[in-house]
Amino acid sequence: MKKRSITIILTVLILVSPLILSAQTKDLNYTKVSDFILHNYHPDSATLSKLCRRACIFIKFKVDEKGLITNLSFSKDSISFIKEALTKAINALQKDPELMETLKRSGKTIIQPFMYYYQEGCDFPKMLSETPKEKEDEKSKNKKSYYGVRDDMEFFGATLWDMLNFDDGKLEVLDGIILSPIRVSSGSME
């Protein structure tokens, strides 16, 4: 009888354990973090219209045992007005108590890559000049070529090189959770 009871208990534990793991996994829906940040990201549009840059910012933060966002930091080459908008978006996470509880329980540092492509402020040359005189005028103005402007706006390599170089100090290693990148853009995509 005792062996049968132990067998039944073990069988029940084996059958129930996947359900317990499944419930814990459902609780850790980190895409909700990215969606919340994206929904609450509102940079200054006037400043944004002057920007010519493609880059990625790595956002680092943690939720402490009190459920507050702590250690918020950005990769070093971040632009201040984008950091300000992202700071507001990250702090808006506190409007969702369920999400904050999940992040608190994880106990991990969260890394959110934030890729952006803003080209409204780029001074791309006209691709086709109408007359030989216009071609000469463009050359005499020393305007950059299309590819020169594109090269100047590209910062992805620098960002990846410094991905653990946050404004609160350079890290060699980080134990945390990296989320899928958020992507935003403005202007026509070329």
N, C-alpha and C. Protein backbone atom coordinates (compact mmCIF):
# COMPACT_ATOMS: atom_id res chain seq x y z
N MET A 1 0.82 -1.19 0.00
CA MET A 1 0.00 0.00 0.00
C MET A 1 0.87 1.27 0.00
N LYS A 2 1.96 1.24 0.82
CA LYS A 2 2.85 2.38 0.92
C LYS A 2 3.56 2.64 -0.41
N LYS A 3 3.99 1.56 -1.09
CA LYS A 3 4.65 1.71 -2.39
C LYS A 3 3.69 2.30 -3.41
N ARG A 4 2.45 1.89 -3.34
CA ARG A 4 1.45 2.39 -4.29
C ARG A 4 1.21 3.88 -4.06
N SER A 5 1.14 4.32 -2.83
CA SER A 5 0.94 5.73 -2.51
C SER A 5 2.11 6.57 -3.02
N ILE A 6 3.33 6.07 -2.80
CA ILE A 6 4.51 6.78 -3.28
C ILE A 6 4.50 6.85 -4.80
N THR A 7 4.13 5.77 -5.45
CA THR A 7 4.05 5.74 -6.92
C THR A 7 3.01 6.74 -7.41
N ILE A 8 1.87 6.82 -6.76
CA ILE A 8 0.82 7.76 -7.17
C ILE A 8 1.31 9.20 -6.98
N ILE A 9 1.95 9.48 -5.85
CA ILE A 9 2.46 10.83 -5.58
C ILE A 9 3.51 11.22 -6.61
N LEU A 10 4.44 10.29 -6.90
CA LEU A 10 5.46 10.57 -7.91
C LEU A 10 4.84 10.78 -9.29
N THR A 11 3.85 9.98 -9.64
CA THR A 11 3.18 10.12 -10.93
C THR A 11 2.49 11.47 -11.02
N VAL A 12 1.80 11.88 -9.96
CA VAL A 12 1.12 13.17 -9.95
C VAL A 12 2.14 14.30 -10.08
N LEU A 13 3.26 14.22 -9.36
CA LEU A 13 4.30 15.25 -9.46
C LEU A 13 4.87 15.35 -10.86
N ILE A 14 5.10 14.19 -11.47
CA ILE A 14 5.64 14.18 -12.83
C ILE A 14 4.65 14.79 -13.80
N LEU A 15 3.37 14.50 -13.64
CA LEU A 15 2.35 15.04 -14.54
C LEU A 15 2.10 16.52 -14.30
N VAL A 16 2.19 16.96 -13.05
CA VAL A 16 1.90 18.36 -12.71
C VAL A 16 3.10 19.27 -12.99
N SER A 17 4.32 18.77 -12.90
CA SER A 17 5.50 19.63 -13.06
C SER A 17 5.53 20.38 -14.39
N PRO A 18 5.17 19.76 -15.54
CA PRO A 18 5.15 20.58 -16.77
C PRO A 18 4.13 21.71 -16.70
N LEU A 19 3.01 21.48 -16.01
CA LEU A 19 2.01 22.54 -15.88
C LEU A 19 2.56 23.69 -15.04
N ILE A 20 3.29 23.36 -13.99
CA ILE A 20 3.89 24.39 -13.14
C ILE A 20 4.92 25.18 -13.94
N LEU A 21 5.78 24.48 -14.67
CA LEU A 21 6.79 25.16 -15.50
C LEU A 21 6.12 26.01 -16.56
N SER A 22 5.06 25.50 -17.16
CA SER A 22 4.34 26.24 -18.18
C SER A 22 3.76 27.51 -17.61
N ALA A 23 3.19 27.45 -16.41
CA ALA A 23 2.62 28.64 -15.77
C ALA A 23 3.71 29.66 -15.48
N GLN A 24 4.89 29.21 -15.06
CA GLN A 24 5.98 30.14 -14.77
C GLN A 24 6.48 30.79 -16.06
N THR A 25 6.55 30.04 -17.14
CA THR A 25 7.03 30.57 -18.41
C THR A 25 6.06 31.61 -18.97
N LYS A 26 4.75 31.35 -18.85
CA LYS A 26 3.76 32.31 -19.35
C LYS A 26 3.89 33.64 -18.63
N ASP A 27 4.29 33.59 -17.37
CA ASP A 27 4.43 34.78 -16.57
C ASP A 27 5.55 35.68 -17.09
N LEU A 28 6.54 35.13 -17.76
CA LEU A 28 7.71 35.87 -18.20
C LEU A 28 7.59 36.29 -19.67
N ASN A 29 6.59 37.09 -19.98
CA ASN A 29 6.37 37.57 -21.34
C ASN A 29 7.11 38.90 -21.51
N TYR A 30 8.37 38.81 -21.90
CA TYR A 30 9.21 40.00 -21.98
C TYR A 30 8.90 40.86 -23.20
N THR A 31 8.18 40.32 -24.19
CA THR A 31 7.80 41.17 -25.33
C THR A 31 6.90 42.31 -24.87
N LYS A 32 6.22 42.10 -23.76
CA LYS A 32 5.37 43.15 -23.21
C LYS A 32 6.21 44.37 -22.81
N VAL A 33 7.44 44.14 -22.35
CA VAL A 33 8.34 45.24 -21.99
C VAL A 33 8.64 46.07 -23.23
N SER A 34 9.05 45.40 -24.30
CA SER A 34 9.39 46.10 -25.55
C SER A 34 8.19 46.86 -26.09
N ASP A 35 7.03 46.21 -26.10
CA ASP A 35 5.82 46.86 -26.61
C ASP A 35 5.47 48.10 -25.79
N PHE A 36 5.60 47.99 -24.48
CA PHE A 36 5.28 49.10 -23.59
C PHE A 36 6.23 50.27 -23.83
N ILE A 37 7.51 49.98 -23.98
CA ILE A 37 8.50 51.03 -24.23
C ILE A 37 8.21 51.72 -25.57
N LEU A 38 7.98 50.93 -26.59
CA LEU A 38 7.70 51.49 -27.92
C LEU A 38 6.45 52.37 -27.90
N HIS A 39 5.42 51.92 -27.22
CA HIS A 39 4.17 52.67 -27.14
C HIS A 39 4.34 54.01 -26.41
N ASN A 40 5.28 54.06 -25.47
CA ASN A 40 5.47 55.26 -24.65
C ASN A 40 6.68 56.09 -25.06
N TYR A 41 7.30 55.77 -26.17
CA TYR A 41 8.47 56.51 -26.67
C TYR A 41 7.98 57.65 -27.56
N HIS A 42 8.21 58.89 -27.12
CA HIS A 42 7.76 60.06 -27.87
C HIS A 42 8.86 61.12 -27.87
N PRO A 43 9.84 60.99 -28.77
CA PRO A 43 10.91 62.01 -28.81
C PRO A 43 10.38 63.33 -29.37
N ASP A 44 11.10 64.41 -29.09
CA ASP A 44 10.74 65.72 -29.59
C ASP A 44 10.79 65.71 -31.12
N SER A 45 9.65 65.97 -31.75
CA SER A 45 9.57 65.85 -33.21
C SER A 45 10.37 66.92 -33.93
N ALA A 46 10.47 68.13 -33.37
CA ALA A 46 11.25 69.19 -34.03
C ALA A 46 12.73 68.82 -34.07
N THR A 47 13.24 68.30 -32.98
CA THR A 47 14.64 67.88 -32.92
C THR A 47 14.86 66.65 -33.80
N LEU A 48 13.90 65.75 -33.77
CA LEU A 48 13.99 64.53 -34.57
C LEU A 48 14.05 64.84 -36.07
N SER A 49 13.35 65.89 -36.50
CA SER A 49 13.33 66.23 -37.92
C SER A 49 14.69 66.74 -38.42
N LYS A 50 15.61 67.04 -37.51
CA LYS A 50 16.94 67.51 -37.89
C LYS A 50 18.00 66.42 -37.80
N LEU A 51 17.60 65.23 -37.36
CA LEU A 51 18.56 64.16 -37.11
C LEU A 51 18.82 63.33 -38.36
N CYS A 52 20.07 62.99 -38.57
CA CYS A 52 20.49 62.11 -39.66
C CYS A 52 21.39 61.04 -39.04
N ARG A 53 20.78 59.93 -38.65
CA ARG A 53 21.55 58.93 -37.92
C ARG A 53 20.84 57.59 -37.91
N ARG A 54 21.64 56.54 -38.04
CA ARG A 54 21.20 55.15 -37.87
C ARG A 54 22.05 54.57 -36.76
N ALA A 55 21.40 54.06 -35.72
CA ALA A 55 22.18 53.53 -34.61
C ALA A 55 21.33 52.62 -33.74
N CYS A 56 21.94 52.17 -32.68
CA CYS A 56 21.27 51.33 -31.70
C CYS A 56 21.70 51.80 -30.32
N ILE A 57 20.75 51.97 -29.45
CA ILE A 57 21.03 52.30 -28.06
C ILE A 57 20.72 51.05 -27.25
N PHE A 58 21.59 50.70 -26.34
CA PHE A 58 21.30 49.61 -25.42
C PHE A 58 20.84 50.24 -24.11
N ILE A 59 19.65 49.85 -23.68
CA ILE A 59 19.06 50.36 -22.45
C ILE A 59 19.24 49.28 -21.38
N LYS A 60 19.72 49.67 -20.23
CA LYS A 60 19.95 48.71 -19.15
C LYS A 60 19.19 49.20 -17.92
N PHE A 61 18.42 48.30 -17.29
CA PHE A 61 17.74 48.65 -16.05
C PHE A 61 17.39 47.39 -15.28
N LYS A 62 16.99 47.60 -14.05
CA LYS A 62 16.60 46.50 -13.18
C LYS A 62 15.41 46.96 -12.36
N VAL A 63 14.59 46.04 -11.93
CA VAL A 63 13.49 46.35 -11.02
C VAL A 63 13.88 45.77 -9.66
N ASP A 64 13.97 46.65 -8.66
CA ASP A 64 14.43 46.20 -7.34
C ASP A 64 13.33 45.50 -6.56
N GLU A 65 13.65 45.08 -5.35
CA GLU A 65 12.71 44.32 -4.52
C GLU A 65 11.50 45.14 -4.11
N LYS A 66 11.57 46.46 -4.21
CA LYS A 66 10.42 47.33 -3.92
C LYS A 66 9.55 47.54 -5.16
N GLY A 67 10.00 47.02 -6.30
CA GLY A 67 9.25 47.18 -7.55
C GLY A 67 9.53 48.49 -8.25
N LEU A 68 10.68 49.09 -7.98
CA LEU A 68 11.06 50.35 -8.62
C LEU A 68 12.16 50.12 -9.65
N ILE A 69 12.13 50.91 -10.70
CA ILE A 69 13.17 50.82 -11.73
C ILE A 69 14.44 51.45 -11.18
N THR A 70 15.53 50.69 -11.24
CA THR A 70 16.82 51.18 -10.74
C THR A 70 17.89 50.94 -11.79
N ASN A 71 19.03 51.56 -11.59
CA ASN A 71 20.20 51.37 -12.44
C ASN A 71 19.90 51.59 -13.93
N LEU A 72 19.02 52.54 -14.23
CA LEU A 72 18.71 52.85 -15.62
C LEU A 72 19.93 53.52 -16.24
N SER A 73 20.38 52.96 -17.35
CA SER A 73 21.57 53.47 -18.01
C SER A 73 21.46 53.19 -19.51
N PHE A 74 22.19 53.97 -20.30
CA PHE A 74 22.16 53.85 -21.75
C PHE A 74 23.58 53.69 -22.27
N SER A 75 23.71 53.05 -23.44
CA SER A 75 25.04 52.94 -24.03
C SER A 75 25.59 54.35 -24.26
N LYS A 76 26.91 54.48 -24.14
CA LYS A 76 27.57 55.79 -24.06
C LYS A 76 27.33 56.72 -25.24
N ASP A 77 27.19 56.22 -26.42
CA ASP A 77 27.08 57.11 -27.57
C ASP A 77 25.64 57.57 -27.83
N SER A 78 24.78 57.46 -26.86
CA SER A 78 23.38 57.82 -27.02
C SER A 78 23.20 59.33 -27.15
N ILE A 79 22.21 59.72 -27.92
CA ILE A 79 21.87 61.13 -28.11
C ILE A 79 20.92 61.55 -26.99
N SER A 80 21.15 62.73 -26.41
CA SER A 80 20.44 63.13 -25.20
C SER A 80 18.92 63.18 -25.37
N PHE A 81 18.38 63.75 -26.46
CA PHE A 81 16.93 63.86 -26.55
C PHE A 81 16.26 62.49 -26.75
N ILE A 82 16.97 61.55 -27.35
CA ILE A 82 16.43 60.19 -27.47
C ILE A 82 16.48 59.51 -26.10
N LYS A 83 17.57 59.71 -25.37
CA LYS A 83 17.67 59.16 -24.00
C LYS A 83 16.56 59.70 -23.11
N GLU A 84 16.26 60.99 -23.24
CA GLU A 84 15.19 61.58 -22.43
C GLU A 84 13.84 60.92 -22.73
N ALA A 85 13.54 60.73 -24.02
CA ALA A 85 12.28 60.09 -24.40
C ALA A 85 12.24 58.63 -23.94
N LEU A 86 13.38 57.95 -24.03
CA LEU A 86 13.44 56.55 -23.58
C LEU A 86 13.34 56.45 -22.05
N THR A 87 13.90 57.42 -21.34
CA THR A 87 13.79 57.42 -19.88
C THR A 87 12.33 57.51 -19.47
N LYS A 88 11.58 58.40 -20.11
CA LYS A 88 10.14 58.53 -19.82
C LYS A 88 9.41 57.22 -20.17
N ALA A 89 9.78 56.61 -21.28
CA ALA A 89 9.13 55.37 -21.70
C ALA A 89 9.42 54.23 -20.72
N ILE A 90 10.66 54.14 -20.25
CA ILE A 90 11.03 53.10 -19.28
C ILE A 90 10.30 53.34 -17.97
N ASN A 91 10.27 54.58 -17.51
CA ASN A 91 9.57 54.89 -16.26
C ASN A 91 8.08 54.64 -16.36
N ALA A 92 7.53 54.71 -17.56
CA ALA A 92 6.10 54.43 -17.76
C ALA A 92 5.78 52.95 -17.51
N LEU A 93 6.79 52.09 -17.53
CA LEU A 93 6.56 50.67 -17.22
C LEU A 93 5.90 50.51 -15.85
N GLN A 94 6.14 51.45 -14.95
CA GLN A 94 5.60 51.37 -13.60
C GLN A 94 4.08 51.50 -13.57
N LYS A 95 3.48 51.88 -14.69
CA LYS A 95 2.02 51.95 -14.78
C LYS A 95 1.40 50.55 -14.87
N ASP A 96 2.22 49.54 -15.12
CA ASP A 96 1.73 48.17 -15.25
C ASP A 96 2.25 47.34 -14.07
N PRO A 97 1.49 47.27 -12.97
CA PRO A 97 1.96 46.57 -11.78
C PRO A 97 2.28 45.09 -12.02
N GLU A 98 1.51 44.44 -12.87
CA GLU A 98 1.75 43.02 -13.16
C GLU A 98 3.10 42.83 -13.84
N LEU A 99 3.39 43.67 -14.80
CA LEU A 99 4.68 43.60 -15.50
C LEU A 99 5.83 43.91 -14.55
N MET A 100 5.66 44.92 -13.71
CA MET A 100 6.71 45.27 -12.76
C MET A 100 6.96 44.12 -11.77
N GLU A 101 5.90 43.43 -11.37
CA GLU A 101 6.06 42.29 -10.47
C GLU A 101 6.86 41.18 -11.15
N THR A 102 6.57 40.94 -12.43
CA THR A 102 7.30 39.93 -13.19
C THR A 102 8.78 40.28 -13.28
N LEU A 103 9.07 41.54 -13.59
CA LEU A 103 10.46 41.99 -13.70
C LEU A 103 11.16 41.93 -12.34
N LYS A 104 10.44 42.26 -11.30
CA LYS A 104 11.01 42.19 -9.95
C LYS A 104 11.37 40.74 -9.60
N ARG A 105 10.48 39.82 -9.88
CA ARG A 105 10.73 38.42 -9.56
C ARG A 105 11.89 37.85 -10.34
N SER A 106 12.10 38.34 -11.56
CA SER A 106 13.20 37.81 -12.37
C SER A 106 14.54 38.08 -11.68
N GLY A 107 14.64 39.23 -11.02
CA GLY A 107 15.89 39.58 -10.34
C GLY A 107 17.04 39.87 -11.30
N LYS A 108 16.77 39.91 -12.57
CA LYS A 108 17.81 40.09 -13.58
C LYS A 108 17.84 41.53 -14.10
N THR A 109 18.99 41.92 -14.57
CA THR A 109 19.13 43.17 -15.29
C THR A 109 18.54 42.97 -16.67
N ILE A 110 17.77 43.93 -17.13
CA ILE A 110 17.13 43.86 -18.44
C ILE A 110 17.95 44.73 -19.41
N ILE A 111 18.26 44.17 -20.57
CA ILE A 111 18.93 44.92 -21.65
C ILE A 111 17.96 44.98 -22.82
N GLN A 112 17.58 46.20 -23.20
CA GLN A 112 16.66 46.39 -24.31
C GLN A 112 17.38 47.11 -25.44
N PRO A 113 17.72 46.41 -26.53
CA PRO A 113 18.29 47.11 -27.69
C PRO A 113 17.21 47.97 -28.34
N PHE A 114 17.57 49.17 -28.72
CA PHE A 114 16.64 50.11 -29.34
C PHE A 114 17.30 50.65 -30.60
N MET A 115 16.88 50.14 -31.75
CA MET A 115 17.47 50.53 -33.03
C MET A 115 16.64 51.66 -33.63
N TYR A 116 17.33 52.66 -34.16
CA TYR A 116 16.60 53.74 -34.81
C TYR A 116 17.26 54.14 -36.12
N TYR A 117 16.42 54.64 -37.01
CA TYR A 117 16.84 55.06 -38.35
C TYR A 117 16.09 56.35 -38.66
N TYR A 118 16.74 57.47 -38.41
CA TYR A 118 16.14 58.77 -38.65
C TYR A 118 16.93 59.48 -39.74
N GLN A 119 16.25 59.86 -40.80
CA GLN A 119 16.95 60.49 -41.91
C GLN A 119 16.30 61.77 -42.40
N GLU A 120 15.34 62.28 -41.65
CA GLU A 120 14.71 63.53 -42.08
C GLU A 120 15.72 64.68 -42.14
N GLY A 121 16.73 64.65 -41.30
CA GLY A 121 17.72 65.72 -41.28
C GLY A 121 18.90 65.49 -42.22
N CYS A 122 18.86 64.43 -43.00
CA CYS A 122 19.96 64.15 -43.93
C CYS A 122 19.89 65.06 -45.14
N ASP A 123 21.04 65.42 -45.63
CA ASP A 123 21.10 66.27 -46.81
C ASP A 123 21.56 65.44 -48.01
N PHE A 124 20.68 64.51 -48.42
CA PHE A 124 21.02 63.67 -49.55
C PHE A 124 21.01 64.50 -50.83
N PRO A 125 21.99 64.32 -51.70
CA PRO A 125 22.00 65.05 -52.97
C PRO A 125 20.92 64.50 -53.89
N LYS A 126 20.55 65.34 -54.85
CA LYS A 126 19.62 64.85 -55.86
C LYS A 126 20.32 63.76 -56.65
N MET A 127 19.59 62.73 -56.94
CA MET A 127 20.22 61.60 -57.63
C MET A 127 20.45 61.88 -59.11
N LEU A 128 19.56 62.64 -59.72
CA LEU A 128 19.71 62.92 -61.16
C LEU A 128 19.76 64.42 -61.39
N SER A 129 20.82 64.88 -61.97
CA SER A 129 20.91 66.29 -62.33
C SER A 129 20.36 66.46 -63.73
N GLU A 130 19.63 67.53 -63.91
CA GLU A 130 18.97 67.77 -65.18
C GLU A 130 19.94 68.18 -66.29
N THR A 131 20.85 69.07 -65.98
CA THR A 131 21.72 69.62 -67.02
C THR A 131 23.18 69.51 -66.58
N PRO A 132 24.10 69.61 -67.55
CA PRO A 132 25.52 69.62 -67.17
C PRO A 132 25.86 70.76 -66.22
N LYS A 133 25.18 71.92 -66.34
CA LYS A 133 25.43 73.05 -65.45
C LYS A 133 25.07 72.68 -64.01
N GLU A 134 23.93 72.00 -63.81
CA GLU A 134 23.54 71.58 -62.45
C GLU A 134 24.56 70.60 -61.88
N LYS A 135 25.09 69.73 -62.72
CA LYS A 135 26.11 68.79 -62.26
C LYS A 135 27.34 69.55 -61.78
N GLU A 136 27.76 70.55 -62.53
CA GLU A 136 28.92 71.36 -62.14
C GLU A 136 28.65 72.14 -60.87
N ASP A 137 27.41 72.68 -60.74
CA ASP A 137 27.05 73.42 -59.52
C ASP A 137 27.14 72.52 -58.29
N GLU A 138 26.67 71.28 -58.42
CA GLU A 138 26.73 70.34 -57.30
C GLU A 138 28.17 70.04 -56.91
N LYS A 139 29.04 69.85 -57.90
CA LYS A 139 30.45 69.59 -57.62
C LYS A 139 31.10 70.79 -56.95
N SER A 140 30.78 71.99 -57.41
CA SER A 140 31.41 73.19 -56.87
C SER A 140 30.96 73.47 -55.44
N LYS A 141 29.80 73.00 -55.04
CA LYS A 141 29.31 73.21 -53.66
C LYS A 141 29.96 72.23 -52.69
N ASN A 142 30.76 71.31 -53.20
CA ASN A 142 31.41 70.29 -52.38
C ASN A 142 30.40 69.50 -51.54
N LYS A 143 29.25 69.25 -52.13
CA LYS A 143 28.26 68.45 -51.43
C LYS A 143 28.73 67.01 -51.37
N LYS A 144 28.41 66.36 -50.30
CA LYS A 144 28.76 64.95 -50.17
C LYS A 144 27.91 64.12 -51.12
N SER A 145 28.48 63.02 -51.52
CA SER A 145 27.72 62.10 -52.35
C SER A 145 26.67 61.41 -51.47
N TYR A 146 25.75 60.75 -52.10
CA TYR A 146 24.72 59.98 -51.40
C TYR A 146 25.37 59.01 -50.42
N TYR A 147 26.40 58.30 -50.88
CA TYR A 147 27.06 57.31 -50.03
C TYR A 147 27.85 57.96 -48.89
N GLY A 148 28.37 59.16 -49.11
CA GLY A 148 29.06 59.88 -48.05
C GLY A 148 28.11 60.25 -46.93
N VAL A 149 26.91 60.71 -47.29
CA VAL A 149 25.90 61.03 -46.28
C VAL A 149 25.50 59.77 -45.54
N ARG A 150 25.29 58.67 -46.28
CA ARG A 150 24.92 57.40 -45.64
C ARG A 150 26.01 56.93 -44.68
N ASP A 151 27.27 57.06 -45.07
CA ASP A 151 28.37 56.65 -44.19
C ASP A 151 28.40 57.49 -42.91
N ASP A 152 28.13 58.80 -43.04
CA ASP A 152 28.14 59.68 -41.87
C ASP A 152 27.00 59.38 -40.89
N MET A 153 25.90 58.85 -41.40
CA MET A 153 24.75 58.60 -40.51
C MET A 153 24.82 57.22 -39.85
N GLU A 154 25.73 56.38 -40.25
CA GLU A 154 25.79 54.98 -39.79
C GLU A 154 26.60 54.84 -38.50
N PHE A 155 25.94 54.40 -37.42
CA PHE A 155 26.60 54.24 -36.13
C PHE A 155 26.43 52.85 -35.53
N PHE A 156 25.91 51.89 -36.30
CA PHE A 156 25.67 50.56 -35.75
C PHE A 156 26.96 49.88 -35.29
N GLY A 157 28.01 49.99 -36.06
CA GLY A 157 29.27 49.34 -35.69
C GLY A 157 29.81 49.86 -34.37
N ALA A 158 29.79 51.18 -34.19
CA ALA A 158 30.28 51.77 -32.95
C ALA A 158 29.44 51.33 -31.76
N THR A 159 28.14 51.27 -31.96
CA THR A 159 27.25 50.86 -30.88
C THR A 159 27.51 49.43 -30.47
N LEU A 160 27.66 48.55 -31.43
CA LEU A 160 27.91 47.15 -31.09
C LEU A 160 29.27 46.98 -30.41
N TRP A 161 30.24 47.74 -30.86
CA TRP A 161 31.56 47.66 -30.25
C TRP A 161 31.50 48.04 -28.78
N ASP A 162 30.69 49.04 -28.46
CA ASP A 162 30.57 49.54 -27.09
C ASP A 162 29.28 49.08 -26.41
N MET A 163 28.74 47.93 -26.78
CA MET A 163 27.44 47.54 -26.27
C MET A 163 27.38 47.40 -24.75
N LEU A 164 28.50 47.16 -24.09
CA LEU A 164 28.51 47.09 -22.63
C LEU A 164 29.16 48.32 -22.01
N ASN A 165 29.32 49.38 -22.79
CA ASN A 165 29.90 50.62 -22.28
C ASN A 165 28.74 51.59 -22.00
N PHE A 166 28.16 51.47 -20.82
CA PHE A 166 27.02 52.29 -20.43
C PHE A 166 27.49 53.56 -19.74
N ASP A 167 26.60 54.57 -19.69
CA ASP A 167 26.99 55.82 -19.07
C ASP A 167 27.16 55.72 -17.56
N ASP A 168 26.84 54.55 -16.98
CA ASP A 168 27.11 54.36 -15.55
C ASP A 168 28.38 53.54 -15.32
N GLY A 169 29.17 53.31 -16.36
CA GLY A 169 30.43 52.58 -16.22
C GLY A 169 30.51 51.42 -17.19
N LYS A 170 31.72 51.15 -17.71
CA LYS A 170 31.94 50.08 -18.67
C LYS A 170 31.90 48.72 -17.97
N LEU A 171 31.20 47.79 -18.57
CA LEU A 171 31.11 46.42 -18.03
C LEU A 171 31.88 45.47 -18.93
N GLU A 172 32.42 44.46 -18.36
CA GLU A 172 33.08 43.40 -19.14
C GLU A 172 32.10 42.26 -19.41
N VAL A 173 31.23 42.00 -18.43
CA VAL A 173 30.27 40.90 -18.50
C VAL A 173 29.00 41.37 -17.82
N LEU A 174 27.87 40.87 -18.27
CA LEU A 174 26.61 41.24 -17.65
C LEU A 174 25.72 40.01 -17.57
N ASP A 175 25.19 39.74 -16.40
CA ASP A 175 24.23 38.66 -16.22
C ASP A 175 22.86 39.29 -16.28
N GLY A 176 22.17 39.09 -17.37
CA GLY A 176 20.87 39.71 -17.52
C GLY A 176 20.07 39.06 -18.62
N ILE A 177 19.01 39.74 -19.00
CA ILE A 177 18.10 39.27 -20.04
C ILE A 177 18.15 40.27 -21.18
N ILE A 178 18.53 39.82 -22.37
CA ILE A 178 18.51 40.69 -23.54
C ILE A 178 17.21 40.44 -24.29
N LEU A 179 16.46 41.51 -24.50
CA LEU A 179 15.18 41.43 -25.20
C LEU A 179 15.39 41.62 -26.69
N SER A 180 14.40 41.27 -27.47
CA SER A 180 14.45 41.52 -28.91
C SER A 180 14.47 43.01 -29.15
N PRO A 181 15.18 43.46 -30.18
CA PRO A 181 15.29 44.90 -30.43
C PRO A 181 13.96 45.55 -30.77
N ILE A 182 13.85 46.80 -30.39
CA ILE A 182 12.77 47.66 -30.84
C ILE A 182 13.33 48.43 -32.03
N ARG A 183 12.52 48.63 -33.07
CA ARG A 183 12.98 49.39 -34.25
C ARG A 183 12.03 50.54 -34.53
N VAL A 184 12.58 51.73 -34.70
CA VAL A 184 11.80 52.89 -35.07
C VAL A 184 12.50 53.61 -36.23
N SER A 185 11.72 54.36 -37.01
CA SER A 185 12.32 55.13 -38.11
C SER A 185 11.42 56.29 -38.48
N SER A 186 12.00 57.23 -39.21
CA SER A 186 11.24 58.33 -39.77
C SER A 186 11.86 58.68 -41.11
N GLY A 187 11.12 59.39 -41.91
CA GLY A 187 11.61 59.73 -43.24
C GLY A 187 11.43 58.54 -44.16
N SER A 188 11.74 58.76 -45.41
CA SER A 188 11.59 57.65 -46.36
C SER A 188 12.74 56.68 -46.19
N MET A 189 12.45 55.42 -46.29
CA MET A 189 13.48 54.39 -46.16
C MET A 189 14.17 54.24 -47.50
N GLU A 190 15.49 54.38 -47.50
CA GLU A 190 16.25 54.29 -48.76
C GLU A 190 16.98 52.99 -48.82
